[in-house]
Amino acid sequence: MGPDSIKMYDWNPKLNEGTGTLIGEQTPDRIRGWRIDGSDGHVNFWDWSNGKKGKGGVYGHDWFPADPNTPGSRYIGWAPWQDNNGNILEGN
């Protein structure tokens, strides 16, 4: 994803809850990335380099055995995206 990638950690600063484990990463322009949804047992991935959904973009998910103890995004917005300085970024 590059040296300036933005990351998502298993941590909710509002609830002061989570493990702090890296669970997602994307390019600064948000065109390519991945995110673990641990309790659901899958990894989401996307690459919008050639367009969005239906226009050449690549996206999907891959399953692994579900485990409620696996670090991961619990719901949209649970764990915020952060830059390399730890600043919380707006949007998902």
N, C-alpha and C. Protein backbone atom coordinates (compact mmCIF):
# COMPACT_ATOMS: atom_id res chain seq x y z
N MET A 1 0.82 -1.19 0.00
CA MET A 1 0.00 0.00 0.00
C MET A 1 0.87 1.26 0.00
N GLY A 2 2.14 1.11 0.30
CA GLY A 2 3.05 2.25 0.26
C GLY A 2 3.34 2.83 1.63
N PRO A 3 4.38 3.67 1.69
CA PRO A 3 4.80 4.23 2.97
C PRO A 3 3.80 5.20 3.60
N ASP A 4 2.91 5.77 2.80
CA ASP A 4 1.93 6.72 3.32
C ASP A 4 0.54 6.12 3.44
N SER A 5 0.46 4.79 3.48
CA SER A 5 -0.85 4.14 3.56
C SER A 5 -1.58 4.57 4.82
N ILE A 6 -2.90 4.49 4.76
CA ILE A 6 -3.70 4.75 5.95
C ILE A 6 -4.16 3.41 6.49
N LYS A 7 -4.28 3.33 7.80
CA LYS A 7 -4.48 2.04 8.44
C LYS A 7 -5.71 2.06 9.35
N MET A 8 -6.20 0.86 9.62
CA MET A 8 -7.29 0.67 10.57
C MET A 8 -6.81 -0.35 11.59
N TYR A 9 -7.01 -0.01 12.85
CA TYR A 9 -6.62 -0.91 13.94
C TYR A 9 -7.86 -1.36 14.69
N ASP A 10 -7.75 -2.52 15.31
CA ASP A 10 -8.83 -3.04 16.14
C ASP A 10 -8.86 -2.22 17.43
N TRP A 11 -9.38 -1.00 17.31
CA TRP A 11 -9.44 -0.11 18.46
C TRP A 11 -10.51 0.94 18.23
N ASN A 12 -11.40 1.09 19.17
CA ASN A 12 -12.42 2.12 19.11
C ASN A 12 -12.08 3.15 20.18
N PRO A 13 -11.59 4.34 19.76
CA PRO A 13 -11.19 5.35 20.75
C PRO A 13 -12.35 5.88 21.59
N LYS A 14 -13.56 5.87 21.05
CA LYS A 14 -14.71 6.36 21.82
C LYS A 14 -15.06 5.41 22.95
N LEU A 15 -14.92 4.10 22.69
CA LEU A 15 -15.26 3.10 23.69
C LEU A 15 -14.04 2.64 24.49
N ASN A 16 -12.83 3.07 24.03
CA ASN A 16 -11.59 2.63 24.66
C ASN A 16 -11.54 1.10 24.71
N GLU A 17 -11.79 0.50 23.54
CA GLU A 17 -11.96 -0.95 23.46
C GLU A 17 -11.25 -1.49 22.23
N GLY A 18 -10.69 -2.67 22.31
CA GLY A 18 -10.06 -3.35 21.18
C GLY A 18 -8.66 -3.80 21.52
N THR A 19 -8.01 -4.46 20.54
CA THR A 19 -6.67 -5.02 20.77
C THR A 19 -5.55 -4.16 20.23
N GLY A 20 -5.86 -3.23 19.33
CA GLY A 20 -4.83 -2.42 18.69
C GLY A 20 -4.16 -3.10 17.51
N THR A 21 -4.63 -4.29 17.14
CA THR A 21 -4.07 -5.05 16.03
C THR A 21 -4.42 -4.40 14.69
N LEU A 22 -3.47 -4.38 13.76
CA LEU A 22 -3.74 -3.87 12.42
C LEU A 22 -4.80 -4.75 11.75
N ILE A 23 -5.90 -4.14 11.28
CA ILE A 23 -6.98 -4.91 10.66
C ILE A 23 -7.35 -4.38 9.28
N GLY A 24 -6.67 -3.34 8.80
CA GLY A 24 -6.97 -2.83 7.48
C GLY A 24 -5.92 -1.84 7.03
N GLU A 25 -5.79 -1.71 5.73
CA GLU A 25 -4.84 -0.77 5.16
C GLU A 25 -5.34 -0.37 3.78
N GLN A 26 -5.14 0.89 3.41
CA GLN A 26 -5.51 1.34 2.07
C GLN A 26 -4.57 2.45 1.63
N THR A 27 -4.53 2.67 0.32
CA THR A 27 -3.70 3.73 -0.22
C THR A 27 -4.28 5.08 0.23
N PRO A 28 -3.43 6.13 0.28
CA PRO A 28 -3.93 7.44 0.73
C PRO A 28 -5.12 7.96 -0.08
N ASP A 29 -5.18 7.59 -1.37
CA ASP A 29 -6.31 8.02 -2.21
C ASP A 29 -7.51 7.07 -2.09
N ARG A 30 -7.36 6.03 -1.26
CA ARG A 30 -8.41 5.04 -0.97
C ARG A 30 -8.83 4.21 -2.19
N ILE A 31 -7.94 4.11 -3.16
CA ILE A 31 -8.25 3.35 -4.38
C ILE A 31 -8.04 1.86 -4.18
N ARG A 32 -7.04 1.46 -3.40
CA ARG A 32 -6.77 0.05 -3.15
C ARG A 32 -6.70 -0.17 -1.64
N GLY A 33 -7.20 -1.33 -1.19
CA GLY A 33 -7.12 -1.61 0.23
C GLY A 33 -7.71 -2.95 0.62
N TRP A 34 -7.66 -3.22 1.93
CA TRP A 34 -8.21 -4.43 2.51
C TRP A 34 -8.63 -4.15 3.95
N ARG A 35 -9.53 -4.97 4.48
CA ARG A 35 -10.00 -4.83 5.86
C ARG A 35 -10.49 -6.18 6.35
N ILE A 36 -10.10 -6.54 7.55
CA ILE A 36 -10.55 -7.79 8.17
C ILE A 36 -11.83 -7.53 8.96
N ASP A 37 -12.83 -8.34 8.72
CA ASP A 37 -14.03 -8.38 9.54
C ASP A 37 -13.95 -9.69 10.31
N GLY A 38 -13.21 -9.67 11.40
CA GLY A 38 -12.83 -10.88 12.12
C GLY A 38 -13.97 -11.70 12.67
N SER A 39 -14.91 -11.08 13.35
CA SER A 39 -15.98 -11.87 13.96
C SER A 39 -16.87 -12.51 12.91
N ASP A 40 -16.94 -11.90 11.71
CA ASP A 40 -17.72 -12.48 10.61
C ASP A 40 -16.91 -13.50 9.83
N GLY A 41 -15.59 -13.47 9.99
CA GLY A 41 -14.73 -14.44 9.33
C GLY A 41 -14.43 -14.16 7.88
N HIS A 42 -14.18 -12.89 7.51
CA HIS A 42 -13.80 -12.61 6.13
C HIS A 42 -12.90 -11.38 6.03
N VAL A 43 -12.20 -11.31 4.90
CA VAL A 43 -11.36 -10.16 4.55
C VAL A 43 -11.95 -9.51 3.32
N ASN A 44 -12.21 -8.21 3.40
CA ASN A 44 -12.67 -7.45 2.24
C ASN A 44 -11.46 -6.87 1.52
N PHE A 45 -11.52 -6.79 0.20
CA PHE A 45 -10.45 -6.16 -0.56
C PHE A 45 -11.05 -5.40 -1.73
N TRP A 46 -10.32 -4.36 -2.21
CA TRP A 46 -10.80 -3.56 -3.33
C TRP A 46 -9.62 -2.94 -4.07
N ASP A 47 -9.84 -2.72 -5.36
CA ASP A 47 -8.88 -2.02 -6.21
C ASP A 47 -9.69 -1.28 -7.27
N TRP A 48 -9.82 0.03 -7.08
CA TRP A 48 -10.61 0.86 -7.99
C TRP A 48 -9.72 1.53 -9.04
N SER A 49 -8.50 1.01 -9.26
CA SER A 49 -7.56 1.60 -10.22
C SER A 49 -8.16 1.71 -11.62
N ASN A 50 -8.98 0.75 -12.01
CA ASN A 50 -9.56 0.74 -13.35
C ASN A 50 -11.03 1.12 -13.35
N GLY A 51 -11.53 1.72 -12.28
CA GLY A 51 -12.92 2.13 -12.20
C GLY A 51 -13.59 1.53 -10.98
N LYS A 52 -14.81 1.97 -10.71
CA LYS A 52 -15.57 1.48 -9.57
C LYS A 52 -16.29 0.18 -9.92
N LYS A 53 -17.18 -0.25 -9.03
CA LYS A 53 -17.94 -1.49 -9.23
C LYS A 53 -18.66 -1.45 -10.58
N GLY A 54 -18.50 -2.52 -11.33
CA GLY A 54 -19.16 -2.62 -12.62
C GLY A 54 -18.48 -1.85 -13.74
N LYS A 55 -17.42 -1.11 -13.42
CA LYS A 55 -16.72 -0.28 -14.41
C LYS A 55 -15.24 -0.64 -14.48
N GLY A 56 -14.89 -1.87 -14.08
CA GLY A 56 -13.50 -2.31 -14.13
C GLY A 56 -12.85 -2.50 -12.78
N GLY A 57 -13.51 -2.08 -11.71
CA GLY A 57 -12.97 -2.23 -10.37
C GLY A 57 -12.96 -3.68 -9.92
N VAL A 58 -12.02 -4.00 -9.06
CA VAL A 58 -11.91 -5.34 -8.50
C VAL A 58 -12.22 -5.24 -7.01
N TYR A 59 -13.10 -6.09 -6.53
CA TYR A 59 -13.47 -6.08 -5.12
C TYR A 59 -14.01 -7.44 -4.74
N GLY A 60 -14.05 -7.69 -3.47
CA GLY A 60 -14.61 -8.95 -3.01
C GLY A 60 -14.23 -9.23 -1.57
N HIS A 61 -14.37 -10.49 -1.21
CA HIS A 61 -14.00 -10.92 0.13
C HIS A 61 -13.60 -12.39 0.08
N ASP A 62 -12.84 -12.77 1.04
CA ASP A 62 -12.40 -14.16 1.16
C ASP A 62 -12.70 -14.59 2.58
N TRP A 63 -13.25 -15.78 2.74
CA TRP A 63 -13.70 -16.26 4.04
C TRP A 63 -12.61 -17.03 4.77
N PHE A 64 -12.64 -16.97 6.07
CA PHE A 64 -11.83 -17.81 6.95
C PHE A 64 -12.74 -18.21 8.10
N PRO A 65 -12.38 -19.22 8.87
CA PRO A 65 -13.27 -19.66 9.96
C PRO A 65 -13.61 -18.51 10.92
N ALA A 66 -14.89 -18.29 11.11
CA ALA A 66 -15.34 -17.21 12.00
C ALA A 66 -14.93 -17.50 13.43
N ASP A 67 -14.45 -16.48 14.10
CA ASP A 67 -14.05 -16.58 15.50
C ASP A 67 -14.34 -15.23 16.14
N PRO A 68 -15.27 -15.17 17.08
CA PRO A 68 -15.61 -13.87 17.68
C PRO A 68 -14.44 -13.21 18.40
N ASN A 69 -13.36 -13.95 18.67
CA ASN A 69 -12.20 -13.37 19.34
C ASN A 69 -11.16 -12.83 18.37
N THR A 70 -11.35 -13.02 17.05
CA THR A 70 -10.41 -12.52 16.06
C THR A 70 -10.56 -11.01 15.95
N PRO A 71 -9.44 -10.27 16.03
CA PRO A 71 -9.53 -8.82 15.86
C PRO A 71 -10.11 -8.48 14.49
N GLY A 72 -10.93 -7.46 14.44
CA GLY A 72 -11.51 -7.05 13.16
C GLY A 72 -12.53 -5.95 13.36
N SER A 73 -12.93 -5.35 12.24
CA SER A 73 -13.95 -4.32 12.27
C SER A 73 -15.28 -4.96 12.66
N ARG A 74 -15.92 -4.42 13.65
CA ARG A 74 -17.16 -5.02 14.15
C ARG A 74 -18.39 -4.51 13.42
N TYR A 75 -18.32 -3.27 12.93
CA TYR A 75 -19.38 -2.68 12.12
C TYR A 75 -18.81 -1.41 11.50
N ILE A 76 -19.47 -0.90 10.46
CA ILE A 76 -18.97 0.30 9.78
C ILE A 76 -18.83 1.43 10.78
N GLY A 77 -17.64 2.00 10.81
CA GLY A 77 -17.37 3.10 11.71
C GLY A 77 -16.84 2.71 13.07
N TRP A 78 -16.78 1.39 13.38
CA TRP A 78 -16.31 0.97 14.70
C TRP A 78 -14.86 1.35 14.91
N ALA A 79 -14.02 1.03 13.94
CA ALA A 79 -12.60 1.35 14.02
C ALA A 79 -12.29 2.38 12.95
N PRO A 80 -11.79 3.55 13.31
CA PRO A 80 -11.55 4.60 12.32
C PRO A 80 -10.27 4.37 11.52
N TRP A 81 -10.22 4.92 10.31
CA TRP A 81 -9.00 4.94 9.52
C TRP A 81 -8.10 6.02 10.09
N GLN A 82 -6.78 5.77 10.09
CA GLN A 82 -5.80 6.71 10.65
C GLN A 82 -4.65 6.91 9.68
N ASP A 83 -4.06 8.10 9.70
CA ASP A 83 -2.86 8.30 8.91
C ASP A 83 -1.65 7.82 9.72
N ASN A 84 -0.45 7.96 9.16
CA ASN A 84 0.75 7.46 9.82
C ASN A 84 1.10 8.18 11.12
N ASN A 85 0.47 9.32 11.35
CA ASN A 85 0.69 10.06 12.60
C ASN A 85 -0.37 9.74 13.65
N GLY A 86 -1.28 8.82 13.34
CA GLY A 86 -2.33 8.46 14.27
C GLY A 86 -3.53 9.37 14.26
N ASN A 87 -3.59 10.29 13.29
CA ASN A 87 -4.74 11.19 13.18
C ASN A 87 -5.93 10.43 12.61
N ILE A 88 -7.09 10.58 13.22
CA ILE A 88 -8.31 9.94 12.77
C ILE A 88 -8.77 10.64 11.48
N LEU A 89 -9.10 9.84 10.46
CA LEU A 89 -9.56 10.37 9.18
C LEU A 89 -11.06 10.19 9.05
N GLU A 90 -11.69 11.11 8.38
CA GLU A 90 -13.13 11.04 8.17
C GLU A 90 -13.44 10.02 7.08
N GLY A 91 -14.61 9.42 7.13
CA GLY A 91 -15.07 8.49 6.11
C GLY A 91 -14.63 7.06 6.41
N ASN A 92 -15.17 6.14 5.65
CA ASN A 92 -14.87 4.71 5.84
C ASN A 92 -13.94 4.21 4.76
